Amino acid sequence: MNHKLFYFATLLICFSCLSFVGQNEANKVKVKYDYIAFLGCTPFASPLMNKNDFDRISSQSFCAKDSANAIYKISAFDITFAERGLYQDSTGLPIVVTDYSSAHCTGDTIPKFWINAFKDRSYRGDTIFFDNIIARGADNKAHMCKQLKFIIQ
């Protein structure tokens, strides 16, 4: 009787463990974007960008391109500014903390407030994300574009 209970418990544990294996792979959905967004209609090979280059290009408008390189207008996007700062913890030791600020923007250009914030407050290691970028296609429908990320160097 003890052997049967031992085998049953072992079998139950094995099935429990196997039920969690592979769930992450099954839950991941690969999203295919029909349009690719560009800041300043310029492709970048890397998300790493010099501060002066980002300050210059941030005043330019977004655009989106399809597989045939046709250019489309951006109608909305979200900005997230991850600003790293050096603070002190409760014992007086230095600690790096990231402050996040974000906004939803309509149109194809970054608002002046954000351009000035990037010029005044961005430093090496800060990251700017552009999410939920919506392009208006030739069919005048909204199409999502892949997220853009810029890391200030």
C-alpha atoms as a PDB file:
ATOM      1  CA  MET A   1       0.000   0.000   0.000  1.00  0.00           C
ATOM      2  CA  ASN A   2       2.845   2.408   0.830  1.00  0.00           C
ATOM      3  CA  HIS A   3       4.495   1.763  -2.547  1.00  0.00           C
ATOM      4  CA  LYS A   4       1.279   2.573  -4.399  1.00  0.00           C
ATOM      5  CA  LEU A   5       0.872   5.824  -2.456  1.00  0.00           C
ATOM      6  CA  PHE A   6       4.526   6.729  -3.113  1.00  0.00           C
ATOM      7  CA  TYR A   7       4.185   6.096  -6.868  1.00  0.00           C
ATOM      8  CA  PHE A   8       0.920   8.008  -7.008  1.00  0.00           C
ATOM      9  CA  ALA A   9       2.454  11.015  -5.172  1.00  0.00           C
ATOM     10  CA  THR A  10       5.523  10.938  -7.436  1.00  0.00           C
ATOM     11  CA  LEU A  11       3.319  10.795 -10.534  1.00  0.00           C
ATOM     12  CA  LEU A  12       1.197  13.659  -9.251  1.00  0.00           C
ATOM     13  CA  ILE A  13       4.272  15.805  -8.604  1.00  0.00           C
ATOM     14  CA  CYS A  14       5.666  15.061 -12.085  1.00  0.00           C
ATOM     15  CA  PHE A  15       2.409  16.079 -13.767  1.00  0.00           C
ATOM     16  CA  SER A  16       2.291  19.247 -11.680  1.00  0.00           C
ATOM     17  CA  CYS A  17       5.816  20.208 -12.684  1.00  0.00           C
ATOM     18  CA  LEU A  18       5.208  19.435 -16.348  1.00  0.00           C
ATOM     19  CA  SER A  19       2.112  21.594 -16.438  1.00  0.00           C
ATOM     20  CA  PHE A  20       4.273  24.693 -15.835  1.00  0.00           C
ATOM     21  CA  VAL A  21       6.973  23.842 -18.383  1.00  0.00           C
ATOM     22  CA  GLY A  22       6.547  25.592 -21.710  1.00  0.00           C
ATOM     23  CA  GLN A  23       3.802  27.988 -20.618  1.00  0.00           C
ATOM     24  CA  ASN A  24       5.938  31.032 -21.326  1.00  0.00           C
ATOM     25  CA  GLU A  25       6.637  29.829 -24.856  1.00  0.00           C
ATOM     26  CA  ALA A  26       2.970  29.149 -25.523  1.00  0.00           C
ATOM     27  CA  ASN A  27       1.842  32.526 -24.137  1.00  0.00           C
ATOM     28  CA  LYS A  28       4.264  34.588 -26.229  1.00  0.00           C
ATOM     29  CA  VAL A  29       2.645  35.949 -29.334  1.00  0.00           C
ATOM     30  CA  LYS A  30       4.894  37.276 -32.067  1.00  0.00           C
ATOM     31  CA  VAL A  31       3.431  40.552 -33.317  1.00  0.00           C
ATOM     32  CA  LYS A  32       4.070  41.469 -36.922  1.00  0.00           C
ATOM     33  CA  TYR A  33       3.980  45.187 -37.597  1.00  0.00           C
ATOM     34  CA  ASP A  34       2.978  46.311 -41.095  1.00  0.00           C
ATOM     35  CA  TYR A  35       4.516  49.747 -40.537  1.00  0.00           C
ATOM     36  CA  ILE A  36       7.808  50.808 -38.957  1.00  0.00           C
ATOM     37  CA  ALA A  37       8.015  54.212 -37.258  1.00  0.00           C
ATOM     38  CA  PHE A  38      11.022  56.512 -37.542  1.00  0.00           C
ATOM     39  CA  LEU A  39      11.902  59.701 -35.706  1.00  0.00           C
ATOM     40  CA  GLY A  40      12.832  62.278 -38.316  1.00  0.00           C
ATOM     41  CA  CYS A  41      12.060  59.657 -40.980  1.00  0.00           C
ATOM     42  CA  THR A  42      15.596  58.377 -40.395  1.00  0.00           C
ATOM     43  CA  PRO A  43      16.386  54.741 -39.603  1.00  0.00           C
ATOM     44  CA  PHE A  44      18.822  54.105 -36.761  1.00  0.00           C
ATOM     45  CA  ALA A  45      20.993  51.020 -36.539  1.00  0.00           C
ATOM     46  CA  SER A  46      21.113  51.051 -32.746  1.00  0.00           C
ATOM     47  CA  PRO A  47      19.027  52.458 -29.898  1.00  0.00           C
ATOM     48  CA  LEU A  48      22.199  54.098 -28.521  1.00  0.00           C
ATOM     49  CA  MET A  49      22.335  57.759 -29.475  1.00  0.00           C
ATOM     50  CA  ASN A  50      24.599  60.692 -28.741  1.00  0.00           C
ATOM     51  CA  LYS A  51      22.826  63.415 -26.692  1.00  0.00           C
ATOM     52  CA  ASN A  52      23.503  66.124 -29.292  1.00  0.00           C
ATOM     53  CA  ASP A  53      22.126  63.917 -32.081  1.00  0.00           C
ATOM     54  CA  PHE A  54      18.994  63.128 -30.081  1.00  0.00           C
ATOM     55  CA  ASP A  55      18.453  66.804 -29.197  1.00  0.00           C
ATOM     56  CA  ARG A  56      18.723  67.677 -32.884  1.00  0.00           C
ATOM     57  CA  ILE A  57      16.456  64.933 -34.161  1.00  0.00           C
ATOM     58  CA  SER A  58      13.816  65.212 -31.409  1.00  0.00           C
ATOM     59  CA  SER A  59      12.485  68.412 -32.981  1.00  0.00           C
ATOM     60  CA  GLN A  60      11.746  66.598 -36.241  1.00  0.00           C
ATOM     61  CA  SER A  61       8.494  64.786 -36.938  1.00  0.00           C
ATOM     62  CA  PHE A  62       7.750  61.059 -36.919  1.00  0.00           C
ATOM     63  CA  CYS A  63       6.854  59.083 -39.990  1.00  0.00           C
ATOM     64  CA  ALA A  64       6.085  55.459 -40.742  1.00  0.00           C
ATOM     65  CA  LYS A  65       7.108  53.316 -43.669  1.00  0.00           C
ATOM     66  CA  ASP A  66       5.675  50.091 -45.024  1.00  0.00           C
ATOM     67  CA  SER A  67       7.525  47.262 -46.749  1.00  0.00           C
ATOM     68  CA  ALA A  68       7.517  49.214 -50.035  1.00  0.00           C
ATOM     69  CA  ASN A  69       9.091  52.263 -48.273  1.00  0.00           C
ATOM     70  CA  ALA A  70       5.957  54.350 -48.778  1.00  0.00           C
ATOM     71  CA  ILE A  71       5.784  57.095 -46.141  1.00  0.00           C
ATOM     72  CA  TYR A  72       2.743  57.494 -43.879  1.00  0.00           C
ATOM     73  CA  LYS A  73       1.823  60.075 -41.265  1.00  0.00           C
ATOM     74  CA  ILE A  74       1.823  59.344 -37.528  1.00  0.00           C
ATOM     75  CA  SER A  75      -1.357  60.393 -35.713  1.00  0.00           C
ATOM     76  CA  ALA A  76      -0.543  59.613 -32.040  1.00  0.00           C
ATOM     77  CA  PHE A  77       2.111  58.157 -29.738  1.00  0.00           C
ATOM     78  CA  ASP A  78       3.077  57.859 -26.072  1.00  0.00           C
ATOM     79  CA  ILE A  79       6.329  59.174 -24.570  1.00  0.00           C
ATOM     80  CA  THR A  80       8.038  57.642 -21.537  1.00  0.00           C
ATOM     81  CA  PHE A  81      11.146  59.401 -20.236  1.00  0.00           C
ATOM     82  CA  ALA A  82      13.248  57.205 -17.921  1.00  0.00           C
ATOM     83  CA  GLU A  83      15.534  59.680 -16.193  1.00  0.00           C
ATOM     84  CA  ARG A  84      18.297  58.248 -14.024  1.00  0.00           C
ATOM     85  CA  GLY A  85      19.344  60.271 -11.011  1.00  0.00           C
ATOM     86  CA  LEU A  86      21.893  59.929  -8.238  1.00  0.00           C
ATOM     87  CA  TYR A  87      20.349  60.169  -4.761  1.00  0.00           C
ATOM     88  CA  GLN A  88      21.282  59.200  -1.224  1.00  0.00           C
ATOM     89  CA  ASP A  89      19.668  56.358   0.681  1.00  0.00           C
ATOM     90  CA  SER A  90      18.728  56.594   4.363  1.00  0.00           C
ATOM     91  CA  THR A  91      22.318  55.942   5.426  1.00  0.00           C
ATOM     92  CA  GLY A  92      23.786  58.600   3.148  1.00  0.00           C
ATOM     93  CA  LEU A  93      25.180  56.188   0.547  1.00  0.00           C
ATOM     94  CA  PRO A  94      24.720  57.056  -3.135  1.00  0.00           C
ATOM     95  CA  ILE A  95      22.017  55.178  -5.011  1.00  0.00           C
ATOM     96  CA  VAL A  96      20.870  55.415  -8.639  1.00  0.00           C
ATOM     97  CA  VAL A  97      17.104  55.787  -9.003  1.00  0.00           C
ATOM     98  CA  THR A  98      15.133  56.017 -12.242  1.00  0.00           C
ATOM     99  CA  ASP A  99      12.288  58.542 -12.413  1.00  0.00           C
ATOM    100  CA  TYR A 100       9.630  57.923 -15.033  1.00  0.00           C
ATOM    101  CA  SER A 101       7.470  60.571 -16.667  1.00  0.00           C
ATOM    102  CA  SER A 102       5.093  59.929 -19.524  1.00  0.00           C
ATOM    103  CA  ALA A 103       2.445  61.526 -21.710  1.00  0.00           C
ATOM    104  CA  HIS A 104       0.135  60.743 -24.597  1.00  0.00           C
ATOM    105  CA  CYS A 105       0.711  62.932 -27.665  1.00  0.00           C
ATOM    106  CA  THR A 106      -1.410  63.500 -30.754  1.00  0.00           C
ATOM    107  CA  GLY A 107       0.101  64.413 -34.076  1.00  0.00           C
ATOM    108  CA  ASP A 108       3.482  63.503 -35.509  1.00  0.00           C
ATOM    109  CA  THR A 109       5.802  65.804 -33.551  1.00  0.00           C
ATOM    110  CA  ILE A 110       7.088  65.794 -29.993  1.00  0.00           C
ATOM    111  CA  PRO A 111       5.575  68.708 -28.013  1.00  0.00           C
ATOM    112  CA  LYS A 112       7.907  71.626 -27.192  1.00  0.00           C
ATOM    113  CA  PHE A 113       7.646  70.884 -23.458  1.00  0.00           C
ATOM    114  CA  TRP A 114       9.209  67.438 -24.004  1.00  0.00           C
ATOM    115  CA  ILE A 115      11.843  68.707 -26.436  1.00  0.00           C
ATOM    116  CA  ASN A 116      12.944  71.272 -23.843  1.00  0.00           C
ATOM    117  CA  ALA A 117      12.891  68.621 -21.094  1.00  0.00           C
ATOM    118  CA  PHE A 118      15.125  66.346 -23.172  1.00  0.00           C
ATOM    119  CA  LYS A 119      17.557  69.200 -23.901  1.00  0.00           C
ATOM    120  CA  ASP A 120      17.696  70.403 -20.284  1.00  0.00           C
ATOM    121  CA  ARG A 121      17.457  67.188 -18.272  1.00  0.00           C
ATOM    122  CA  SER A 122      18.679  64.239 -20.343  1.00  0.00           C
ATOM    123  CA  TYR A 123      22.049  62.749 -19.507  1.00  0.00           C
ATOM    124  CA  ARG A 124      24.018  59.649 -20.310  1.00  0.00           C
ATOM    125  CA  GLY A 125      22.042  56.521 -19.429  1.00  0.00           C
ATOM    126  CA  ASP A 126      18.593  58.118 -19.713  1.00  0.00           C
ATOM    127  CA  THR A 127      16.144  56.285 -21.959  1.00  0.00           C
ATOM    128  CA  ILE A 128      13.264  57.641 -24.026  1.00  0.00           C
ATOM    129  CA  PHE A 129      10.537  55.254 -25.178  1.00  0.00           C
ATOM    130  CA  PHE A 130       7.922  55.945 -27.837  1.00  0.00           C
ATOM    131  CA  ASP A 131       5.076  53.436 -27.478  1.00  0.00           C
ATOM    132  CA  ASN A 132       1.625  52.962 -28.993  1.00  0.00           C
ATOM    133  CA  ILE A 133       2.692  54.696 -32.191  1.00  0.00           C
ATOM    134  CA  ILE A 134      -0.294  54.878 -34.516  1.00  0.00           C
ATOM    135  CA  ALA A 135       0.168  55.443 -38.247  1.00  0.00           C
ATOM    136  CA  ARG A 136      -2.595  56.257 -40.725  1.00  0.00           C
ATOM    137  CA  GLY A 137      -2.233  53.927 -43.683  1.00  0.00           C
ATOM    138  CA  ALA A 138      -3.286  54.391 -47.292  1.00  0.00           C
ATOM    139  CA  ASP A 139      -6.643  52.878 -46.288  1.00  0.00           C
ATOM    140  CA  ASN A 140      -6.987  55.675 -43.641  1.00  0.00           C
ATOM    141  CA  LYS A 141      -7.088  53.051 -40.890  1.00  0.00           C
ATOM    142  CA  ALA A 142      -4.985  53.155 -37.739  1.00  0.00           C
ATOM    143  CA  HIS A 143      -2.017  50.773 -37.728  1.00  0.00           C
ATOM    144  CA  MET A 144       0.253  50.120 -34.745  1.00  0.00           C
ATOM    145  CA  CYS A 145       3.988  50.564 -35.211  1.00  0.00           C
ATOM    146  CA  LYS A 146       6.787  48.941 -33.277  1.00  0.00           C
ATOM    147  CA  GLN A 147       8.080  50.736 -30.168  1.00  0.00           C
ATOM    148  CA  LEU A 148      11.056  53.095 -30.528  1.00  0.00           C
ATOM    149  CA  LYS A 149      13.708  53.298 -27.821  1.00  0.00           C
ATOM    150  CA  PHE A 150      16.606  55.727 -27.542  1.00  0.00           C
ATOM    151  CA  ILE A 151      19.353  55.441 -24.918  1.00  0.00           C
ATOM    152  CA  ILE A 152      21.335  58.637 -24.431  1.00  0.00           C
ATOM    153  CA  GLN A 153      25.125  58.164 -24.603  1.00  0.00           C
END
